[in-house]
Amino acid sequence: MRKILLVLLSLLTFANAQQPPRPVRKPDASLAKITDEPGLPRVLLIGDSISMGYTLPVRDLLKGKANLHRIQANAGSTKDGIEKLGAWLGAGKWDVIHFNWGLHDLKHWKDAKLDNAGPVVSTLDEYEKNLRELVKRLKATGAKLIWATTTPVPAGSGGRIANDELKYNEAAARVMKDEGIPTDDLHALCQPKLAEWQRPQNVHFTSEGSAGLAAKVAADIEAALKK
């Protein structure tokens, strides 16, 4: 019996040795921490993977005009924001904060994965309530705030229902109107260009799409800095 176990152990060890090592995923370059250039205003981006896609091109467009930081994470849902916003803001002063939550609130989640049979992460009422709390805390920083609308959800994007973002954007619009916060309408920007900008049956964007979003984001941030 002992000999059999030793043989099996040897075979298992040999088999493991033949397996190629799993590639180590490199951290997304958009999440890298940057060093401020003295004398320039400080800008913070808060958002999910859509904003991660436009972070680097926005930084390039604002080079020499602002120090563009982003939170070193995917912002997830408003529930994540409530929990983590303090750490994301840190102790430094922000001149402008450009922010969005939505795609992770409206997603259907079950057994730790996207699943249309599961409940949404945040109901509309929860979403609006959370946004009001988040805006209150963002306002306390003294920064100029810019809200970005949630980008389109196409048909076939698993775990999300096409056009649900319209309802969430309407809820967000009520909050921003009440709080006097300007809106960067990325949703409207995308609509006529979705065939070129957005990946098929996917909420994410091509590099061309991210560059298009970046141009609008950078322009709105620059306008806010000039006020």
C-alpha atoms as a PDB file:
ATOM      1  CA  MET A   1       0.000   0.000   0.000  1.00  0.00           C
ATOM      2  CA  ARG A   2       2.820   2.338   0.903  1.00  0.00           C
ATOM      3  CA  LYS A   3       4.568   1.613  -2.402  1.00  0.00           C
ATOM      4  CA  ILE A   4       1.356   2.398  -4.304  1.00  0.00           C
ATOM      5  CA  LEU A   5       0.998   5.712  -2.484  1.00  0.00           C
ATOM      6  CA  LEU A   6       4.620   6.589  -3.267  1.00  0.00           C
ATOM      7  CA  VAL A   7       4.101   5.780  -6.930  1.00  0.00           C
ATOM      8  CA  LEU A   8       0.938   7.897  -7.061  1.00  0.00           C
ATOM      9  CA  LEU A   9       2.712  10.779  -5.319  1.00  0.00           C
ATOM     10  CA  SER A  10       5.593  10.549  -7.792  1.00  0.00           C
ATOM     11  CA  LEU A  11       3.191  10.580 -10.737  1.00  0.00           C
ATOM     12  CA  LEU A  12       1.339  13.582  -9.304  1.00  0.00           C
ATOM     13  CA  THR A  13       4.592  15.460  -8.751  1.00  0.00           C
ATOM     14  CA  PHE A  14       5.709  14.673 -12.293  1.00  0.00           C
ATOM     15  CA  ALA A  15       2.371  15.801 -13.737  1.00  0.00           C
ATOM     16  CA  ASN A  16       2.518  19.102 -11.843  1.00  0.00           C
ATOM     17  CA  ALA A  17       6.061  19.655 -13.031  1.00  0.00           C
ATOM     18  CA  GLN A  18       4.901  19.325 -16.653  1.00  0.00           C
ATOM     19  CA  GLN A  19       2.250  22.036 -16.268  1.00  0.00           C
ATOM     20  CA  PRO A  20       3.397  25.390 -17.652  1.00  0.00           C
ATOM     21  CA  PRO A  21       3.398  28.155 -15.039  1.00  0.00           C
ATOM     22  CA  ARG A  22       0.313  30.316 -15.063  1.00  0.00           C
ATOM     23  CA  PRO A  23       1.028  33.743 -16.513  1.00  0.00           C
ATOM     24  CA  VAL A  24       1.051  36.516 -13.941  1.00  0.00           C
ATOM     25  CA  ARG A  25      -1.445  39.179 -14.891  1.00  0.00           C
ATOM     26  CA  LYS A  26       0.198  42.583 -14.995  1.00  0.00           C
ATOM     27  CA  PRO A  27      -1.540  45.343 -13.046  1.00  0.00           C
ATOM     28  CA  ASP A  28      -3.586  47.612 -15.286  1.00  0.00           C
ATOM     29  CA  ALA A  29      -1.454  50.617 -16.235  1.00  0.00           C
ATOM     30  CA  SER A  30      -4.368  52.958 -15.514  1.00  0.00           C
ATOM     31  CA  LEU A  31      -4.175  52.039 -11.822  1.00  0.00           C
ATOM     32  CA  ALA A  32      -0.546  53.046 -11.392  1.00  0.00           C
ATOM     33  CA  LYS A  33       0.139  55.703  -8.806  1.00  0.00           C
ATOM     34  CA  ILE A  34       1.516  58.969 -10.215  1.00  0.00           C
ATOM     35  CA  THR A  35       3.756  61.667  -8.772  1.00  0.00           C
ATOM     36  CA  ASP A  36       2.405  65.197  -8.868  1.00  0.00           C
ATOM     37  CA  GLU A  37       4.062  67.816 -11.010  1.00  0.00           C
ATOM     38  CA  PRO A  38       4.404  70.811  -8.661  1.00  0.00           C
ATOM     39  CA  GLY A  39       2.209  73.796  -9.353  1.00  0.00           C
ATOM     40  CA  LEU A  40      -0.492  71.954 -11.280  1.00  0.00           C
ATOM     41  CA  PRO A  41      -4.051  71.339 -10.024  1.00  0.00           C
ATOM     42  CA  ARG A  42      -4.958  67.871  -8.818  1.00  0.00           C
ATOM     43  CA  VAL A  43      -7.783  65.948 -10.484  1.00  0.00           C
ATOM     44  CA  LEU A  44      -9.278  62.620  -9.400  1.00  0.00           C
ATOM     45  CA  LEU A  45     -11.165  60.128 -11.578  1.00  0.00           C
ATOM     46  CA  ILE A  46     -13.570  57.751  -9.844  1.00  0.00           C
ATOM     47  CA  GLY A  47     -15.218  55.032 -11.901  1.00  0.00           C
ATOM     48  CA  ASP A  48     -15.291  51.435 -13.054  1.00  0.00           C
ATOM     49  CA  SER A  49     -13.446  49.706 -15.903  1.00  0.00           C
ATOM     50  CA  ILE A  50     -14.952  52.109 -18.439  1.00  0.00           C
ATOM     51  CA  SER A  51     -13.107  54.961 -16.740  1.00  0.00           C
ATOM     52  CA  MET A  52      -9.991  52.788 -16.505  1.00  0.00           C
ATOM     53  CA  GLY A  53     -10.127  52.615 -20.302  1.00  0.00           C
ATOM     54  CA  TYR A  54     -10.044  56.380 -20.703  1.00  0.00           C
ATOM     55  CA  THR A  55      -7.702  57.234 -17.812  1.00  0.00           C
ATOM     56  CA  LEU A  56      -4.416  57.155 -19.730  1.00  0.00           C
ATOM     57  CA  PRO A  57      -5.622  59.125 -22.772  1.00  0.00           C
ATOM     58  CA  VAL A  58      -7.203  61.732 -20.472  1.00  0.00           C
ATOM     59  CA  ARG A  59      -3.893  62.004 -18.629  1.00  0.00           C
ATOM     60  CA  ASP A  60      -2.096  62.578 -21.926  1.00  0.00           C
ATOM     61  CA  LEU A  61      -4.608  65.248 -22.966  1.00  0.00           C
ATOM     62  CA  LEU A  62      -4.185  67.093 -19.651  1.00  0.00           C
ATOM     63  CA  LYS A  63      -0.403  66.817 -19.565  1.00  0.00           C
ATOM     64  CA  GLY A  64       1.082  70.090 -18.379  1.00  0.00           C
ATOM     65  CA  LYS A  65      -2.375  71.297 -17.310  1.00  0.00           C
ATOM     66  CA  ALA A  66      -3.276  69.027 -14.388  1.00  0.00           C
ATOM     67  CA  ASN A  67      -2.082  66.076 -12.343  1.00  0.00           C
ATOM     68  CA  LEU A  68      -4.641  63.430 -13.265  1.00  0.00           C
ATOM     69  CA  HIS A  69      -4.994  60.729 -10.626  1.00  0.00           C
ATOM     70  CA  ARG A  70      -7.529  57.937 -10.477  1.00  0.00           C
ATOM     71  CA  ILE A  71      -8.506  55.653  -7.656  1.00  0.00           C
ATOM     72  CA  GLN A  72      -6.256  52.597  -7.729  1.00  0.00           C
ATOM     73  CA  ALA A  73      -9.168  50.224  -8.190  1.00  0.00           C
ATOM     74  CA  ASN A  74     -12.343  49.568 -10.107  1.00  0.00           C
ATOM     75  CA  ALA A  75     -14.920  51.681  -8.249  1.00  0.00           C
ATOM     76  CA  GLY A  76     -17.566  48.968  -8.528  1.00  0.00           C
ATOM     77  CA  SER A  77     -21.034  49.856  -7.282  1.00  0.00           C
ATOM     78  CA  THR A  78     -22.271  52.694  -5.090  1.00  0.00           C
ATOM     79  CA  LYS A  79     -22.166  50.189  -2.228  1.00  0.00           C
ATOM     80  CA  ASP A  80     -18.410  49.842  -2.782  1.00  0.00           C
ATOM     81  CA  GLY A  81     -18.193  53.621  -2.922  1.00  0.00           C
ATOM     82  CA  ILE A  82     -19.921  54.036   0.436  1.00  0.00           C
ATOM     83  CA  GLU A  83     -17.451  51.603   1.981  1.00  0.00           C
ATOM     84  CA  LYS A  84     -14.221  52.785   0.344  1.00  0.00           C
ATOM     85  CA  LEU A  85     -14.603  56.464  -0.589  1.00  0.00           C
ATOM     86  CA  GLY A  86     -12.653  57.756   2.409  1.00  0.00           C
ATOM     87  CA  ALA A  87      -9.607  55.695   1.489  1.00  0.00           C
ATOM     88  CA  TRP A  88      -9.886  56.668  -2.174  1.00  0.00           C
ATOM     89  CA  LEU A  89     -10.008  60.390  -1.392  1.00  0.00           C
ATOM     90  CA  GLY A  90      -7.018  60.223   0.931  1.00  0.00           C
ATOM     91  CA  ALA A  91      -5.736  63.276   2.767  1.00  0.00           C
ATOM     92  CA  GLY A  92      -4.683  65.438  -0.196  1.00  0.00           C
ATOM     93  CA  LYS A  93      -6.577  68.359  -1.714  1.00  0.00           C
ATOM     94  CA  TRP A  94      -8.517  67.787  -4.934  1.00  0.00           C
ATOM     95  CA  ASP A  95      -9.379  70.595  -7.327  1.00  0.00           C
ATOM     96  CA  VAL A  96     -11.728  68.564  -9.551  1.00  0.00           C
ATOM     97  CA  ILE A  97     -13.319  65.138  -9.067  1.00  0.00           C
ATOM     98  CA  HIS A  98     -14.893  63.429 -12.099  1.00  0.00           C
ATOM     99  CA  PHE A  99     -17.004  60.474 -10.948  1.00  0.00           C
ATOM    100  CA  ASN A 100     -19.428  57.743 -11.972  1.00  0.00           C
ATOM    101  CA  TRP A 101     -21.140  54.673 -10.577  1.00  0.00           C
ATOM    102  CA  GLY A 102     -23.821  52.628 -12.310  1.00  0.00           C
ATOM    103  CA  LEU A 103     -22.798  49.616 -14.389  1.00  0.00           C
ATOM    104  CA  HIS A 104     -22.013  47.588 -11.268  1.00  0.00           C
ATOM    105  CA  ASP A 105     -25.213  48.695  -9.519  1.00  0.00           C
ATOM    106  CA  LEU A 106     -27.515  47.595 -12.320  1.00  0.00           C
ATOM    107  CA  LYS A 107     -25.780  44.263 -12.959  1.00  0.00           C
ATOM    108  CA  HIS A 108     -27.513  41.018 -11.984  1.00  0.00           C
ATOM    109  CA  TRP A 109     -25.298  38.973  -9.673  1.00  0.00           C
ATOM    110  CA  LYS A 110     -25.687  35.407  -8.438  1.00  0.00           C
ATOM    111  CA  ASP A 111     -23.186  32.952  -6.929  1.00  0.00           C
ATOM    112  CA  ALA A 112     -20.360  35.480  -7.351  1.00  0.00           C
ATOM    113  CA  LYS A 113     -20.869  35.915 -11.091  1.00  0.00           C
ATOM    114  CA  LEU A 114     -22.936  37.804 -13.642  1.00  0.00           C
ATOM    115  CA  ASP A 115     -26.256  36.040 -14.029  1.00  0.00           C
ATOM    116  CA  ASN A 116     -29.501  37.478 -15.400  1.00  0.00           C
ATOM    117  CA  ALA A 117     -31.394  35.201 -13.007  1.00  0.00           C
ATOM    118  CA  GLY A 118     -29.869  36.945 -10.003  1.00  0.00           C
ATOM    119  CA  PRO A 119     -30.975  40.180  -8.335  1.00  0.00           C
ATOM    120  CA  VAL A 120     -29.497  43.556  -9.220  1.00  0.00           C
ATOM    121  CA  VAL A 121     -26.669  44.691  -6.968  1.00  0.00           C
ATOM    122  CA  SER A 122     -28.471  47.940  -6.114  1.00  0.00           C
ATOM    123  CA  THR A 123     -32.140  48.655  -6.695  1.00  0.00           C
ATOM    124  CA  LEU A 124     -32.977  52.078  -8.124  1.00  0.00           C
ATOM    125  CA  ASP A 125     -33.976  53.318  -4.679  1.00  0.00           C
ATOM    126  CA  GLU A 126     -30.731  52.050  -3.161  1.00  0.00           C
ATOM    127  CA  TYR A 127     -28.732  53.549  -5.995  1.00  0.00           C
ATOM    128  CA  GLU A 128     -30.257  56.996  -5.593  1.00  0.00           C
ATOM    129  CA  LYS A 129     -29.900  56.920  -1.820  1.00  0.00           C
ATOM    130  CA  ASN A 130     -26.266  55.848  -2.052  1.00  0.00           C
ATOM    131  CA  LEU A 131     -25.492  58.502  -4.667  1.00  0.00           C
ATOM    132  CA  ARG A 132     -26.909  61.222  -2.409  1.00  0.00           C
ATOM    133  CA  GLU A 133     -24.638  60.085   0.414  1.00  0.00           C
ATOM    134  CA  LEU A 134     -21.614  59.859  -1.881  1.00  0.00           C
ATOM    135  CA  VAL A 135     -22.224  63.332  -3.328  1.00  0.00           C
ATOM    136  CA  LYS A 136     -22.514  64.747   0.182  1.00  0.00           C
ATOM    137  CA  ARG A 137     -19.115  63.305   1.042  1.00  0.00           C
ATOM    138  CA  LEU A 138     -17.562  64.400  -2.248  1.00  0.00           C
ATOM    139  CA  LYS A 139     -18.829  67.949  -1.746  1.00  0.00           C
ATOM    140  CA  ALA A 140     -17.143  68.042   1.636  1.00  0.00           C
ATOM    141  CA  THR A 141     -13.751  67.886  -0.149  1.00  0.00           C
ATOM    142  CA  GLY A 142     -14.301  71.361  -1.601  1.00  0.00           C
ATOM    143  CA  ALA A 143     -13.477  70.065  -5.091  1.00  0.00           C
ATOM    144  CA  LYS A 144     -15.419  70.980  -8.204  1.00  0.00           C
ATOM    145  CA  LEU A 145     -17.485  67.914  -9.058  1.00  0.00           C
ATOM    146  CA  ILE A 146     -18.403  66.475 -12.468  1.00  0.00           C
ATOM    147  CA  TRP A 147     -20.833  63.568 -12.756  1.00  0.00           C
ATOM    148  CA  ALA A 148     -20.456  61.209 -15.746  1.00  0.00           C
ATOM    149  CA  THR A 149     -23.532  59.395 -16.983  1.00  0.00           C
ATOM    150  CA  THR A 150     -23.390  55.618 -17.206  1.00  0.00           C
ATOM    151  CA  THR A 151     -22.558  54.400 -20.703  1.00  0.00           C
ATOM    152  CA  PRO A 152     -24.907  52.151 -22.732  1.00  0.00           C
ATOM    153  CA  VAL A 153     -25.708  48.534 -21.938  1.00  0.00           C
ATOM    154  CA  PRO A 154     -26.138  46.668 -25.242  1.00  0.00           C
ATOM    155  CA  ALA A 155     -28.280  43.614 -25.812  1.00  0.00           C
ATOM    156  CA  GLY A 156     -26.510  40.357 -25.066  1.00  0.00           C
ATOM    157  CA  SER A 157     -24.131  41.690 -22.428  1.00  0.00           C
ATOM    158  CA  GLY A 158     -24.545  38.898 -19.879  1.00  0.00           C
ATOM    159  CA  GLY A 159     -25.708  39.830 -16.406  1.00  0.00           C
ATOM    160  CA  ARG A 160     -27.061  43.192 -17.516  1.00  0.00           C
ATOM    161  CA  ILE A 161     -30.332  44.122 -19.237  1.00  0.00           C
ATOM    162  CA  ALA A 162     -30.116  46.356 -22.300  1.00  0.00           C
ATOM    163  CA  ASN A 163     -31.138  49.969 -21.624  1.00  0.00           C
ATOM    164  CA  ASP A 164     -31.378  49.542 -17.841  1.00  0.00           C
ATOM    165  CA  GLU A 165     -28.787  52.303 -17.620  1.00  0.00           C
ATOM    166  CA  LEU A 166     -31.480  54.767 -18.743  1.00  0.00           C
ATOM    167  CA  LYS A 167     -33.386  54.293 -15.482  1.00  0.00           C
ATOM    168  CA  TYR A 168     -30.218  54.585 -13.417  1.00  0.00           C
ATOM    169  CA  ASN A 169     -29.158  57.698 -15.292  1.00  0.00           C
ATOM    170  CA  GLU A 170     -32.568  59.228 -14.610  1.00  0.00           C
ATOM    171  CA  ALA A 171     -32.141  58.564 -10.893  1.00  0.00           C
ATOM    172  CA  ALA A 172     -28.655  60.065 -10.987  1.00  0.00           C
ATOM    173  CA  ALA A 173     -29.953  63.107 -12.863  1.00  0.00           C
ATOM    174  CA  ARG A 174     -32.354  63.860 -10.000  1.00  0.00           C
ATOM    175  CA  VAL A 175     -29.495  63.774  -7.534  1.00  0.00           C
ATOM    176  CA  MET A 176     -27.207  65.981  -9.618  1.00  0.00           C
ATOM    177  CA  LYS A 177     -29.971  68.500 -10.312  1.00  0.00           C
ATOM    178  CA  ASP A 178     -30.758  68.764  -6.608  1.00  0.00           C
ATOM    179  CA  GLU A 179     -27.074  69.169  -5.768  1.00  0.00           C
ATOM    180  CA  GLY A 180     -26.200  71.544  -8.624  1.00  0.00           C
ATOM    181  CA  ILE A 181     -23.531  69.250 -10.089  1.00  0.00           C
ATOM    182  CA  PRO A 182     -22.749  69.474 -13.834  1.00  0.00           C
ATOM    183  CA  THR A 183     -23.034  66.337 -15.933  1.00  0.00           C
ATOM    184  CA  ASP A 184     -20.604  64.915 -18.459  1.00  0.00           C
ATOM    185  CA  ASP A 185     -23.101  63.069 -20.669  1.00  0.00           C
ATOM    186  CA  LEU A 186     -20.989  60.202 -21.931  1.00  0.00           C
ATOM    187  CA  HIS A 187     -24.115  58.176 -22.657  1.00  0.00           C
ATOM    188  CA  ALA A 188     -25.357  60.708 -25.213  1.00  0.00           C
ATOM    189  CA  LEU A 189     -21.856  61.032 -26.670  1.00  0.00           C
ATOM    190  CA  CYS A 190     -21.685  57.285 -27.327  1.00  0.00           C
ATOM    191  CA  GLN A 191     -25.096  56.699 -28.856  1.00  0.00           C
ATOM    192  CA  PRO A 192     -24.383  57.603 -32.493  1.00  0.00           C
ATOM    193  CA  LYS A 193     -20.980  55.898 -32.417  1.00  0.00           C
ATOM    194  CA  LEU A 194     -21.665  52.613 -30.642  1.00  0.00           C
ATOM    195  CA  ALA A 195     -21.001  50.457 -33.703  1.00  0.00           C
ATOM    196  CA  GLU A 196     -17.434  51.787 -33.870  1.00  0.00           C
ATOM    197  CA  TRP A 197     -16.771  52.474 -30.211  1.00  0.00           C
ATOM    198  CA  GLN A 198     -18.288  49.622 -28.226  1.00  0.00           C
ATOM    199  CA  ARG A 199     -17.415  45.946 -28.344  1.00  0.00           C
ATOM    200  CA  PRO A 200     -20.193  43.617 -29.578  1.00  0.00           C
ATOM    201  CA  GLN A 201     -22.576  42.474 -26.816  1.00  0.00           C
ATOM    202  CA  ASN A 202     -20.291  44.053 -24.244  1.00  0.00           C
ATOM    203  CA  VAL A 203     -20.387  47.169 -22.079  1.00  0.00           C
ATOM    204  CA  HIS A 204     -16.688  47.790 -22.724  1.00  0.00           C
ATOM    205  CA  PHE A 205     -15.113  49.960 -25.392  1.00  0.00           C
ATOM    206  CA  THR A 206     -12.506  49.589 -28.095  1.00  0.00           C
ATOM    207  CA  SER A 207      -9.359  51.717 -27.894  1.00  0.00           C
ATOM    208  CA  GLU A 208     -11.019  54.096 -30.355  1.00  0.00           C
ATOM    209  CA  GLY A 209     -14.053  54.323 -28.109  1.00  0.00           C
ATOM    210  CA  SER A 210     -11.989  54.954 -24.993  1.00  0.00           C
ATOM    211  CA  ALA A 211     -10.122  57.702 -26.843  1.00  0.00           C
ATOM    212  CA  GLY A 212     -13.430  59.288 -27.836  1.00  0.00           C
ATOM    213  CA  LEU A 213     -14.657  59.223 -24.251  1.00  0.00           C
ATOM    214  CA  ALA A 214     -11.313  60.610 -23.086  1.00  0.00           C
ATOM    215  CA  ALA A 215     -11.584  63.661 -25.327  1.00  0.00           C
ATOM    216  CA  LYS A 216     -14.924  64.615 -23.759  1.00  0.00           C
ATOM    217  CA  VAL A 217     -13.783  63.889 -20.215  1.00  0.00           C
ATOM    218  CA  ALA A 218     -10.589  65.909 -20.627  1.00  0.00           C
ATOM    219  CA  ALA A 219     -12.478  68.855 -22.148  1.00  0.00           C
ATOM    220  CA  ASP A 220     -14.976  68.943 -19.275  1.00  0.00           C
ATOM    221  CA  ILE A 221     -12.230  68.730 -16.665  1.00  0.00           C
ATOM    222  CA  GLU A 222     -10.254  71.508 -18.338  1.00  0.00           C
ATOM    223  CA  ALA A 223     -13.359  73.708 -18.470  1.00  0.00           C
ATOM    224  CA  ALA A 224     -13.961  73.122 -14.760  1.00  0.00           C
ATOM    225  CA  LEU A 225     -10.364  74.036 -13.940  1.00  0.00           C
ATOM    226  CA  LYS A 226     -10.714  77.346 -15.784  1.00  0.00           C
ATOM    227  CA  LYS A 227     -13.773  78.418 -13.805  1.00  0.00           C
END
